[in-house]
Full PDB file with SEQRES, HELIX, SHEET, SSBOND, CRYST1, ORIGX, SCALE, CONECT and MASTER records, all heavy atoms in Angstrom:
SEQRES   1 A   37  GLY LEU LEU PRO GLN TRP ARG GLU GLY PRO ARG ARG GLY          
SEQRES   2 A   37  GLU LEU ARG ASN VAL GLY GLY LEU GLY GLY GLY ARG PRO          
SEQRES   3 A   37  GLU ARG ARG LEU ARG ARG VAL TRP CYS ASN VAL                  
SHEET    1 AA1 2 TRP A   6  GLU A   8  0                                        
SHEET    2 AA1 2 LEU A  15  ASN A  17 -1                                        
CRYST1    1.000    1.000    1.000  90.00  90.00  90.00 P 1           1          
ORIGX1      1.000000  0.000000  0.000000        0.00000                         
ORIGX2      0.000000  1.000000  0.000000        0.00000                         
ORIGX3      0.000000  0.000000  1.000000        0.00000                         
SCALE1      1.000000  0.000000  0.000000        0.00000                         
SCALE2      0.000000  1.000000  0.000000        0.00000                         
SCALE3      0.000000  0.000000  1.000000        0.00000                         
ATOM      1  N   GLY A   1       0.806  -1.223   0.000  1.00  0.00           N  
ATOM      2  CA  GLY A   1       0.000   0.000   0.000  1.00  0.00           C  
ATOM      3  C   GLY A   1       0.829   1.258   0.000  1.00  0.00           C  
ATOM      4  O   GLY A   1       0.279   2.357  -0.087  1.00  0.00           O  
ATOM      5  N   LEU A   2       2.145   1.139   0.098  1.00  0.00           N  
ATOM      6  CA  LEU A   2       2.996   2.328   0.134  1.00  0.00           C  
ATOM      7  C   LEU A   2       3.130   2.955  -1.254  1.00  0.00           C  
ATOM      8  O   LEU A   2       3.211   4.177  -1.384  1.00  0.00           O  
ATOM      9  CB  LEU A   2       4.369   1.954   0.682  1.00  0.00           C  
ATOM     10  CG  LEU A   2       5.237   3.089   1.218  1.00  0.00           C  
ATOM     11  CD1 LEU A   2       4.591   3.740   2.423  1.00  0.00           C  
ATOM     12  CD2 LEU A   2       6.629   2.572   1.598  1.00  0.00           C  
ATOM     13  N   LEU A   3       3.142   2.127  -2.280  1.00  0.00           N  
ATOM     14  CA  LEU A   3       3.251   2.608  -3.656  1.00  0.00           C  
ATOM     15  C   LEU A   3       1.868   2.996  -4.183  1.00  0.00           C  
ATOM     16  O   LEU A   3       0.857   2.777  -3.510  1.00  0.00           O  
ATOM     17  CB  LEU A   3       3.904   1.533  -4.519  1.00  0.00           C  
ATOM     18  CG  LEU A   3       5.348   1.196  -4.125  1.00  0.00           C  
ATOM     19  CD1 LEU A   3       5.901   0.094  -4.996  1.00  0.00           C  
ATOM     20  CD2 LEU A   3       6.242   2.423  -4.189  1.00  0.00           C  
ATOM     21  N   PRO A   4       1.794   3.594  -5.380  1.00  0.00           N  
ATOM     22  CA  PRO A   4       0.497   4.088  -5.868  1.00  0.00           C  
ATOM     23  C   PRO A   4      -0.615   3.043  -5.864  1.00  0.00           C  
ATOM     24  O   PRO A   4      -0.426   1.902  -6.281  1.00  0.00           O  
ATOM     25  CB  PRO A   4       0.819   4.538  -7.295  1.00  0.00           C  
ATOM     26  CG  PRO A   4       2.251   4.934  -7.238  1.00  0.00           C  
ATOM     27  CD  PRO A   4       2.903   3.970  -6.286  1.00  0.00           C  
ATOM     28  N   GLN A   5      -1.753   3.452  -5.342  1.00  0.00           N  
ATOM     29  CA  GLN A   5      -2.981   2.654  -5.355  1.00  0.00           C  
ATOM     30  C   GLN A   5      -4.098   3.576  -5.807  1.00  0.00           C  
ATOM     31  O   GLN A   5      -4.325   4.615  -5.179  1.00  0.00           O  
ATOM     32  CB  GLN A   5      -3.304   2.117  -3.961  1.00  0.00           C  
ATOM     33  CG  GLN A   5      -2.504   0.928  -3.521  1.00  0.00           C  
ATOM     34  CD  GLN A   5      -3.072   0.343  -2.240  1.00  0.00           C  
ATOM     35  OE1 GLN A   5      -3.701   1.037  -1.457  1.00  0.00           O  
ATOM     36  NE2 GLN A   5      -2.848  -0.931  -2.027  1.00  0.00           N  
ATOM     37  N   TRP A   6      -4.788   3.188  -6.850  1.00  0.00           N  
ATOM     38  CA  TRP A   6      -5.804   4.066  -7.414  1.00  0.00           C  
ATOM     39  C   TRP A   6      -7.192   3.601  -7.003  1.00  0.00           C  
ATOM     40  O   TRP A   6      -7.551   2.447  -7.191  1.00  0.00           O  
ATOM     41  CB  TRP A   6      -5.681   4.118  -8.932  1.00  0.00           C  
ATOM     42  CG  TRP A   6      -4.343   4.638  -9.352  1.00  0.00           C  
ATOM     43  CD1 TRP A   6      -3.248   3.904  -9.708  1.00  0.00           C  
ATOM     44  CD2 TRP A   6      -3.934   6.004  -9.385  1.00  0.00           C  
ATOM     45  NE1 TRP A   6      -2.193   4.732  -9.981  1.00  0.00           N  
ATOM     46  CE2 TRP A   6      -2.581   6.034  -9.798  1.00  0.00           C  
ATOM     47  CE3 TRP A   6      -4.584   7.218  -9.130  1.00  0.00           C  
ATOM     48  CZ2 TRP A   6      -1.869   7.206  -9.952  1.00  0.00           C  
ATOM     49  CZ3 TRP A   6      -3.871   8.386  -9.289  1.00  0.00           C  
ATOM     50  CH2 TRP A   6      -2.527   8.380  -9.696  1.00  0.00           C  
ATOM     51  N   ARG A   7      -7.964   4.509  -6.430  1.00  0.00           N  
ATOM     52  CA  ARG A   7      -9.336   4.223  -6.009  1.00  0.00           C  
ATOM     53  C   ARG A   7     -10.294   5.151  -6.755  1.00  0.00           C  
ATOM     54  O   ARG A   7      -9.975   6.312  -7.013  1.00  0.00           O  
ATOM     55  CB  ARG A   7      -9.480   4.457  -4.506  1.00  0.00           C  
ATOM     56  CG  ARG A   7      -8.577   3.586  -3.656  1.00  0.00           C  
ATOM     57  CD  ARG A   7      -9.140   2.210  -3.433  1.00  0.00           C  
ATOM     58  NE  ARG A   7      -8.203   1.358  -2.714  1.00  0.00           N  
ATOM     59  CZ  ARG A   7      -8.105   1.336  -1.386  1.00  0.00           C  
ATOM     60  NH1 ARG A   7      -8.897   2.109  -0.661  1.00  0.00           N  
ATOM     61  NH2 ARG A   7      -7.242   0.541  -0.783  1.00  0.00           N  
ATOM     62  N   GLU A   8     -11.468   4.629  -7.055  1.00  0.00           N  
ATOM     63  CA  GLU A   8     -12.472   5.430  -7.744  1.00  0.00           C  
ATOM     64  C   GLU A   8     -13.087   6.458  -6.800  1.00  0.00           C  
ATOM     65  O   GLU A   8     -13.336   6.183  -5.627  1.00  0.00           O  
ATOM     66  CB  GLU A   8     -13.570   4.528  -8.299  1.00  0.00           C  
ATOM     67  CG  GLU A   8     -13.141   3.706  -9.503  1.00  0.00           C  
ATOM     68  CD  GLU A   8     -14.309   2.939 -10.094  1.00  0.00           C  
ATOM     69  OE1 GLU A   8     -15.027   2.284  -9.322  1.00  0.00           O  
ATOM     70  OE2 GLU A   8     -14.492   3.011 -11.320  1.00  0.00           O  
ATOM     71  N   GLY A   9     -13.334   7.650  -7.325  1.00  0.00           N  
ATOM     72  CA  GLY A   9     -14.008   8.696  -6.574  1.00  0.00           C  
ATOM     73  C   GLY A   9     -15.485   8.739  -6.910  1.00  0.00           C  
ATOM     74  O   GLY A   9     -15.984   7.946  -7.713  1.00  0.00           O  
ATOM     75  N   PRO A  10     -16.243   9.661  -6.307  1.00  0.00           N  
ATOM     76  CA  PRO A  10     -17.682   9.740  -6.565  1.00  0.00           C  
ATOM     77  C   PRO A  10     -18.033  10.163  -7.982  1.00  0.00           C  
ATOM     78  O   PRO A  10     -19.092   9.819  -8.491  1.00  0.00           O  
ATOM     79  CB  PRO A  10     -18.158  10.782  -5.546  1.00  0.00           C  
ATOM     80  CG  PRO A  10     -16.955  11.596  -5.220  1.00  0.00           C  
ATOM     81  CD  PRO A  10     -15.802  10.650  -5.313  1.00  0.00           C  
ATOM     82  N   ARG A  11     -17.165  10.914  -8.629  1.00  0.00           N  
ATOM     83  CA  ARG A  11     -17.413  11.360 -10.001  1.00  0.00           C  
ATOM     84  C   ARG A  11     -16.926  10.290 -10.974  1.00  0.00           C  
ATOM     85  O   ARG A  11     -15.866   9.695 -10.773  1.00  0.00           O  
ATOM     86  CB  ARG A  11     -16.677  12.674 -10.244  1.00  0.00           C  
ATOM     87  CG  ARG A  11     -16.869  13.256 -11.623  1.00  0.00           C  
ATOM     88  CD  ARG A  11     -16.016  14.491 -11.775  1.00  0.00           C  
ATOM     89  NE  ARG A  11     -16.492  15.595 -10.979  1.00  0.00           N  
ATOM     90  CZ  ARG A  11     -15.728  16.574 -10.513  1.00  0.00           C  
ATOM     91  NH1 ARG A  11     -14.442  16.565 -10.756  1.00  0.00           N  
ATOM     92  NH2 ARG A  11     -16.246  17.552  -9.806  1.00  0.00           N  
ATOM     93  N   ARG A  12     -17.708  10.041 -12.004  1.00  0.00           N  
ATOM     94  CA  ARG A  12     -17.360   9.008 -12.971  1.00  0.00           C  
ATOM     95  C   ARG A  12     -15.995   9.300 -13.597  1.00  0.00           C  
ATOM     96  O   ARG A  12     -15.738  10.387 -14.079  1.00  0.00           O  
ATOM     97  CB  ARG A  12     -18.433   8.926 -14.069  1.00  0.00           C  
ATOM     98  CG  ARG A  12     -18.205   7.791 -15.056  1.00  0.00           C  
ATOM     99  CD  ARG A  12     -19.342   7.703 -16.054  1.00  0.00           C  
ATOM    100  NE  ARG A  12     -19.130   6.609 -16.981  1.00  0.00           N  
ATOM    101  CZ  ARG A  12     -19.950   6.307 -17.971  1.00  0.00           C  
ATOM    102  NH1 ARG A  12     -21.045   7.039 -18.164  1.00  0.00           N  
ATOM    103  NH2 ARG A  12     -19.690   5.297 -18.778  1.00  0.00           N  
ATOM    104  N   GLY A  13     -15.128   8.287 -13.571  1.00  0.00           N  
ATOM    105  CA  GLY A  13     -13.797   8.438 -14.130  1.00  0.00           C  
ATOM    106  C   GLY A  13     -12.797   9.083 -13.188  1.00  0.00           C  
ATOM    107  O   GLY A  13     -11.622   9.191 -13.522  1.00  0.00           O  
ATOM    108  N   GLU A  14     -13.246   9.512 -11.998  1.00  0.00           N  
ATOM    109  CA  GLU A  14     -12.340  10.166 -11.054  1.00  0.00           C  
ATOM    110  C   GLU A  14     -11.535   9.110 -10.301  1.00  0.00           C  
ATOM    111  O   GLU A  14     -12.091   8.158  -9.773  1.00  0.00           O  
ATOM    112  CB  GLU A  14     -13.143  11.011 -10.065  1.00  0.00           C  
ATOM    113  CG  GLU A  14     -12.276  11.769  -9.060  1.00  0.00           C  
ATOM    114  CD  GLU A  14     -13.129  12.587  -8.099  1.00  0.00           C  
ATOM    115  OE1 GLU A  14     -13.729  12.001  -7.193  1.00  0.00           O  
ATOM    116  OE2 GLU A  14     -13.204  13.802  -8.285  1.00  0.00           O  
ATOM    117  N   LEU A  15     -10.235   9.278 -10.263  1.00  0.00           N  
ATOM    118  CA  LEU A  15      -9.347   8.361  -9.569  1.00  0.00           C  
ATOM    119  C   LEU A  15      -8.513   9.135  -8.556  1.00  0.00           C  
ATOM    120  O   LEU A  15      -8.143  10.288  -8.788  1.00  0.00           O  
ATOM    121  CB  LEU A  15      -8.427   7.639 -10.553  1.00  0.00           C  
ATOM    122  CG  LEU A  15      -9.088   6.674 -11.533  1.00  0.00           C  
ATOM    123  CD1 LEU A  15      -8.070   6.157 -12.534  1.00  0.00           C  
ATOM    124  CD2 LEU A  15      -9.739   5.511 -10.795  1.00  0.00           C  
ATOM    125  N   ARG A  16      -8.221   8.481  -7.460  1.00  0.00           N  
ATOM    126  CA  ARG A  16      -7.420   9.110  -6.414  1.00  0.00           C  
ATOM    127  C   ARG A  16      -6.315   8.156  -5.989  1.00  0.00           C  
ATOM    128  O   ARG A  16      -6.563   6.971  -5.757  1.00  0.00           O  
ATOM    129  CB  ARG A  16      -8.296   9.452  -5.215  1.00  0.00           C  
ATOM    130  CG  ARG A  16      -7.535  10.145  -4.106  1.00  0.00           C  
ATOM    131  CD  ARG A  16      -8.393  10.325  -2.881  1.00  0.00           C  
ATOM    132  NE  ARG A  16      -7.652  10.995  -1.825  1.00  0.00           N  
ATOM    133  CZ  ARG A  16      -8.061  11.063  -0.562  1.00  0.00           C  
ATOM    134  NH1 ARG A  16      -9.206  10.518  -0.210  1.00  0.00           N  
ATOM    135  NH2 ARG A  16      -7.334  11.687   0.348  1.00  0.00           N  
ATOM    136  N   ASN A  17      -5.110   8.675  -5.887  1.00  0.00           N  
ATOM    137  CA  ASN A  17      -3.973   7.872  -5.448  1.00  0.00           C  
ATOM    138  C   ASN A  17      -3.939   7.872  -3.921  1.00  0.00           C  
ATOM    139  O   ASN A  17      -3.618   8.878  -3.296  1.00  0.00           O  
ATOM    140  CB  ASN A  17      -2.675   8.461  -6.012  1.00  0.00           C  
ATOM    141  CG  ASN A  17      -1.470   7.620  -5.673  1.00  0.00           C  
ATOM    142  OD1 ASN A  17      -1.559   6.605  -4.987  1.00  0.00           O  
ATOM    143  ND2 ASN A  17      -0.310   8.034  -6.157  1.00  0.00           N  
ATOM    144  N   VAL A  18      -4.286   6.723  -3.316  1.00  0.00           N  
ATOM    145  CA  VAL A  18      -4.336   6.628  -1.858  1.00  0.00           C  
ATOM    146  C   VAL A  18      -3.118   5.912  -1.289  1.00  0.00           C  
ATOM    147  O   VAL A  18      -3.081   5.564  -0.111  1.00  0.00           O  
ATOM    148  CB  VAL A  18      -5.622   5.913  -1.395  1.00  0.00           C  
ATOM    149  CG1 VAL A  18      -6.852   6.687  -1.823  1.00  0.00           C  
ATOM    150  CG2 VAL A  18      -5.674   4.475  -1.932  1.00  0.00           C  
ATOM    151  N   GLY A  19      -2.083   5.671  -2.115  1.00  0.00           N  
ATOM    152  CA  GLY A  19      -0.871   5.032  -1.624  1.00  0.00           C  
ATOM    153  C   GLY A  19      -0.173   5.885  -0.577  1.00  0.00           C  
ATOM    154  O   GLY A  19      -0.341   7.102  -0.511  1.00  0.00           O  
ATOM    155  N   GLY A  20       0.629   5.229   0.259  1.00  0.00           N  
ATOM    156  CA  GLY A  20       1.338   5.954   1.308  1.00  0.00           C  
ATOM    157  C   GLY A  20       2.210   7.073   0.783  1.00  0.00           C  
ATOM    158  O   GLY A  20       2.400   8.091   1.440  1.00  0.00           O  
ATOM    159  N   LEU A  21       2.740   6.899  -0.422  1.00  0.00           N  
ATOM    160  CA  LEU A  21       3.553   7.938  -1.050  1.00  0.00           C  
ATOM    161  C   LEU A  21       2.776   8.635  -2.161  1.00  0.00           C  
ATOM    162  O   LEU A  21       3.360   9.250  -3.050  1.00  0.00           O  
ATOM    163  CB  LEU A  21       4.838   7.324  -1.615  1.00  0.00           C  
ATOM    164  CG  LEU A  21       5.741   6.660  -0.568  1.00  0.00           C  
ATOM    165  CD1 LEU A  21       6.888   5.943  -1.234  1.00  0.00           C  
ATOM    166  CD2 LEU A  21       6.255   7.692   0.424  1.00  0.00           C  
ATOM    167  N   GLY A  22       1.452   8.548  -2.117  1.00  0.00           N  
ATOM    168  CA  GLY A  22       0.623   9.154  -3.150  1.00  0.00           C  
ATOM    169  C   GLY A  22       0.328  10.609  -2.872  1.00  0.00           C  
ATOM    170  O   GLY A  22       0.727  11.177  -1.861  1.00  0.00           O  
ATOM    171  N   GLY A  23      -0.428  11.204  -3.771  1.00  0.00           N  
ATOM    172  CA  GLY A  23      -0.790  12.603  -3.615  1.00  0.00           C  
ATOM    173  C   GLY A  23       0.330  13.527  -4.052  1.00  0.00           C  
ATOM    174  O   GLY A  23       1.224  13.159  -4.794  1.00  0.00           O  
ATOM    175  N   GLY A  24       0.267  14.743  -3.579  1.00  0.00           N  
ATOM    176  CA  GLY A  24       1.297  15.728  -3.919  1.00  0.00           C  
ATOM    177  C   GLY A  24       0.740  16.950  -4.603  1.00  0.00           C  
ATOM    178  O   GLY A  24       1.358  18.005  -4.562  1.00  0.00           O  
ATOM    179  N   ARG A  25      -0.420  16.819  -5.234  1.00  0.00           N  
ATOM    180  CA  ARG A  25      -1.004  17.966  -5.927  1.00  0.00           C  
ATOM    181  C   ARG A  25      -2.359  18.311  -5.318  1.00  0.00           C  
ATOM    182  O   ARG A  25      -3.217  17.437  -5.183  1.00  0.00           O  
ATOM    183  CB  ARG A  25      -1.205  17.645  -7.404  1.00  0.00           C  
ATOM    184  CG  ARG A  25       0.066  17.477  -8.194  1.00  0.00           C  
ATOM    185  CD  ARG A  25      -0.271  17.204  -9.651  1.00  0.00           C  
ATOM    186  NE  ARG A  25       0.929  17.064 -10.465  1.00  0.00           N  
ATOM    187  CZ  ARG A  25       0.898  16.775 -11.756  1.00  0.00           C  
ATOM    188  NH1 ARG A  25      -0.252  16.587 -12.361  1.00  0.00           N  
ATOM    189  NH2 ARG A  25       2.020  16.669 -12.442  1.00  0.00           N  
ATOM    190  N   PRO A  26      -2.578  19.562  -4.959  1.00  0.00           N  
ATOM    191  CA  PRO A  26      -3.927  19.955  -4.528  1.00  0.00           C  
ATOM    192  C   PRO A  26      -4.918  19.750  -5.671  1.00  0.00           C  
ATOM    193  O   PRO A  26      -4.614  20.038  -6.829  1.00  0.00           O  
ATOM    194  CB  PRO A  26      -3.768  21.444  -4.174  1.00  0.00           C  
ATOM    195  CG  PRO A  26      -2.302  21.639  -3.949  1.00  0.00           C  
ATOM    196  CD  PRO A  26      -1.616  20.662  -4.862  1.00  0.00           C  
ATOM    197  N   GLU A  27      -6.092  19.234  -5.358  1.00  0.00           N  
ATOM    198  CA  GLU A  27      -7.090  18.957  -6.375  1.00  0.00           C  
ATOM    199  C   GLU A  27      -8.470  19.357  -5.871  1.00  0.00           C  
ATOM    200  O   GLU A  27      -8.702  19.440  -4.664  1.00  0.00           O  
ATOM    201  CB  GLU A  27      -7.093  17.456  -6.736  1.00  0.00           C  
ATOM    202  CG  GLU A  27      -5.799  16.964  -7.332  1.00  0.00           C  
ATOM    203  CD  GLU A  27      -5.855  15.477  -7.645  1.00  0.00           C  
ATOM    204  OE1 GLU A  27      -6.914  14.869  -7.428  1.00  0.00           O  
ATOM    205  OE2 GLU A  27      -4.837  14.938  -8.097  1.00  0.00           O  
ATOM    206  N   ARG A  28      -9.375  19.575  -6.814  1.00  0.00           N  
ATOM    207  CA  ARG A  28     -10.767  19.825  -6.477  1.00  0.00           C  
ATOM    208  C   ARG A  28     -11.531  18.511  -6.616  1.00  0.00           C  
ATOM    209  O   ARG A  28     -11.507  17.869  -7.657  1.00  0.00           O  
ATOM    210  CB  ARG A  28     -11.380  20.888  -7.387  1.00  0.00           C  
ATOM    211  CG  ARG A  28     -10.745  22.263  -7.216  1.00  0.00           C  
ATOM    212  CD  ARG A  28     -11.539  23.336  -7.922  1.00  0.00           C  
ATOM    213  NE  ARG A  28     -12.847  23.538  -7.334  1.00  0.00           N  
ATOM    214  CZ  ARG A  28     -13.082  24.264  -6.246  1.00  0.00           C  
ATOM    215  NH1 ARG A  28     -12.085  24.864  -5.625  1.00  0.00           N  
ATOM    216  NH2 ARG A  28     -14.303  24.410  -5.778  1.00  0.00           N  
ATOM    217  N   ARG A  29     -12.214  18.118  -5.527  1.00  0.00           N  
ATOM    218  CA  ARG A  29     -12.922  16.845  -5.521  1.00  0.00           C  
ATOM    219  C   ARG A  29     -14.346  17.042  -5.027  1.00  0.00           C  
ATOM    220  O   ARG A  29     -14.648  17.987  -4.288  1.00  0.00           O  
ATOM    221  CB  ARG A  29     -12.199  15.831  -4.629  1.00  0.00           C  
ATOM    222  CG  ARG A  29     -10.814  15.474  -5.128  1.00  0.00           C  
ATOM    223  CD  ARG A  29     -10.257  14.273  -4.388  1.00  0.00           C  
ATOM    224  NE  ARG A  29      -8.939  13.925  -4.890  1.00  0.00           N  
ATOM    225  CZ  ARG A  29      -8.736  13.163  -5.950  1.00  0.00           C  
ATOM    226  NH1 ARG A  29      -9.757  12.678  -6.625  1.00  0.00           N  
ATOM    227  NH2 ARG A  29      -7.505  12.887  -6.349  1.00  0.00           N  
ATOM    228  N   LEU A  30     -15.197  16.118  -5.438  1.00  0.00           N  
ATOM    229  CA  LEU A  30     -16.584  16.141  -4.984  1.00  0.00           C  
ATOM    230  C   LEU A  30     -16.692  15.551  -3.591  1.00  0.00           C  
ATOM    231  O   LEU A  30     -16.081  14.516  -3.288  1.00  0.00           O  
ATOM    232  CB  LEU A  30     -17.461  15.324  -5.944  1.00  0.00           C  
ATOM    233  CG  LEU A  30     -17.838  15.966  -7.275  1.00  0.00           C  
ATOM    234  CD1 LEU A  30     -18.661  14.987  -8.101  1.00  0.00           C  
ATOM    235  CD2 LEU A  30     -18.628  17.247  -7.054  1.00  0.00           C  
ATOM    236  N   ARG A  31     -17.487  16.232  -2.755  1.00  0.00           N  
ATOM    237  CA  ARG A  31     -17.764  15.723  -1.414  1.00  0.00           C  
ATOM    238  C   ARG A  31     -19.244  15.893  -1.109  1.00  0.00           C  
ATOM    239  O   ARG A  31     -19.875  16.850  -1.554  1.00  0.00           O  
ATOM    240  CB  ARG A  31     -16.944  16.474  -0.357  1.00  0.00           C  
ATOM    241  CG  ARG A  31     -15.479  16.100  -0.340  1.00  0.00           C  
ATOM    242  CD  ARG A  31     -14.782  16.756   0.818  1.00  0.00           C  
ATOM    243  NE  ARG A  31     -13.392  16.364   0.931  1.00  0.00           N  
ATOM    244  CZ  ARG A  31     -12.568  16.795   1.876  1.00  0.00           C  
ATOM    245  NH1 ARG A  31     -13.002  17.660   2.778  1.00  0.00           N  
ATOM    246  NH2 ARG A  31     -11.320  16.395   1.924  1.00  0.00           N  
ATOM    247  N   ARG A  32     -19.787  14.966  -0.331  1.00  0.00           N  
ATOM    248  CA  ARG A  32     -21.171  15.080   0.107  1.00  0.00           C  
ATOM    249  C   ARG A  32     -21.185  15.938   1.367  1.00  0.00           C  
ATOM    250  O   ARG A  32     -20.576  15.583   2.381  1.00  0.00           O  
ATOM    251  CB  ARG A  32     -21.729  13.685   0.399  1.00  0.00           C  
ATOM    252  CG  ARG A  32     -23.249  13.605   0.383  1.00  0.00           C  
ATOM    253  CD  ARG A  32     -23.770  13.542  -1.026  1.00  0.00           C  
ATOM    254  NE  ARG A  32     -25.226  13.492  -1.085  1.00  0.00           N  
ATOM    255  CZ  ARG A  32     -25.933  12.369  -1.111  1.00  0.00           C  
ATOM    256  NH1 ARG A  32     -25.317  11.208  -1.024  1.00  0.00           N  
ATOM    257  NH2 ARG A  32     -27.246  12.411  -1.220  1.00  0.00           N  
ATOM    258  N   VAL A  33     -21.884  17.063   1.324  1.00  0.00           N  
ATOM    259  CA  VAL A  33     -21.879  17.996   2.454  1.00  0.00           C  
ATOM    260  C   VAL A  33     -23.304  18.466   2.740  1.00  0.00           C  
ATOM    261  O   VAL A  33     -24.193  18.418   1.876  1.00  0.00           O  
ATOM    262  CB  VAL A  33     -20.981  19.224   2.161  1.00  0.00           C  
ATOM    263  CG1 VAL A  33     -19.531  18.814   1.971  1.00  0.00           C  
ATOM    264  CG2 VAL A  33     -21.479  19.983   0.927  1.00  0.00           C  
ATOM    265  N   TRP A  34     -23.516  18.929   3.964  1.00  0.00           N  
ATOM    266  CA  TRP A  34     -24.778  19.558   4.341  1.00  0.00           C  
ATOM    267  C   TRP A  34     -24.718  21.038   3.992  1.00  0.00           C  
ATOM    268  O   TRP A  34     -23.778  21.736   4.375  1.00  0.00           O  
ATOM    269  CB  TRP A  34     -25.043  19.383   5.842  1.00  0.00           C  
ATOM    270  CG  TRP A  34     -25.368  17.971   6.221  1.00  0.00           C  
ATOM    271  CD1 TRP A  34     -24.547  17.073   6.811  1.00  0.00           C  
ATOM    272  CD2 TRP A  34     -26.628  17.317   6.038  1.00  0.00           C  
ATOM    273  NE1 TRP A  34     -25.197  15.878   7.000  1.00  0.00           N  
ATOM    274  CE2 TRP A  34     -26.489  16.003   6.533  1.00  0.00           C  
ATOM    275  CE3 TRP A  34     -27.859  17.699   5.491  1.00  0.00           C  
ATOM    276  CZ2 TRP A  34     -27.524  15.080   6.513  1.00  0.00           C  
ATOM    277  CZ3 TRP A  34     -28.882  16.774   5.479  1.00  0.00           C  
ATOM    278  CH2 TRP A  34     -28.717  15.485   5.973  1.00  0.00           C  
ATOM    279  N   CYS A  35     -25.721  21.509   3.269  1.00  0.00           N  
ATOM    280  CA  CYS A  35     -25.795  22.920   2.872  1.00  0.00           C  
ATOM    281  C   CYS A  35     -26.969  23.580   3.588  1.00  0.00           C  
ATOM    282  O   CYS A  35     -28.021  22.966   3.778  1.00  0.00           O  
ATOM    283  CB  CYS A  35     -25.987  23.046   1.365  1.00  0.00           C  
ATOM    284  SG  CYS A  35     -24.732  22.216   0.376  1.00  0.00           S  
ATOM    285  N   ASN A  36     -26.808  24.851   3.956  1.00  0.00           N  
ATOM    286  CA  ASN A  36     -27.862  25.624   4.616  1.00  0.00           C  
ATOM    287  C   ASN A  36     -28.377  24.899   5.868  1.00  0.00           C  
ATOM    288  O   ASN A  36     -29.584  24.695   6.049  1.00  0.00           O  
ATOM    289  CB  ASN A  36     -29.024  25.895   3.658  1.00  0.00           C  
ATOM    290  CG  ASN A  36     -28.579  26.609   2.412  1.00  0.00           C  
ATOM    291  OD1 ASN A  36     -27.799  27.550   2.476  1.00  0.00           O  
ATOM    292  ND2 ASN A  36     -29.048  26.155   1.255  1.00  0.00           N  
ATOM    293  N   VAL A  37     -27.468  24.515   6.718  1.00  0.00           N  
ATOM    294  CA  VAL A  37     -27.806  23.725   7.905  1.00  0.00           C  
ATOM    295  C   VAL A  37     -28.796  24.480   8.791  1.00  0.00           C  
ATOM    296  O   VAL A  37     -28.672  25.691   9.007  1.00  0.00           O  
ATOM    297  CB  VAL A  37     -26.523  23.383   8.690  1.00  0.00           C  
ATOM    298  CG1 VAL A  37     -26.840  22.668   9.985  1.00  0.00           C  
ATOM    299  CG2 VAL A  37     -25.606  22.532   7.824  1.00  0.00           C  
TER     300      VAL A  37                                                      
MASTER        0    0    0    0    2    0    0    6  299    1    0    3          
END                                                                             
């Protein structure tokens, strides 16, 4: 799990590198959030 591992995100075709040495670039991602609480 230390090397790149690609997982699907909520958006179709979206992939995220969740490996221990993954990431490195800020990205915009979809999240489920409460609005107008």
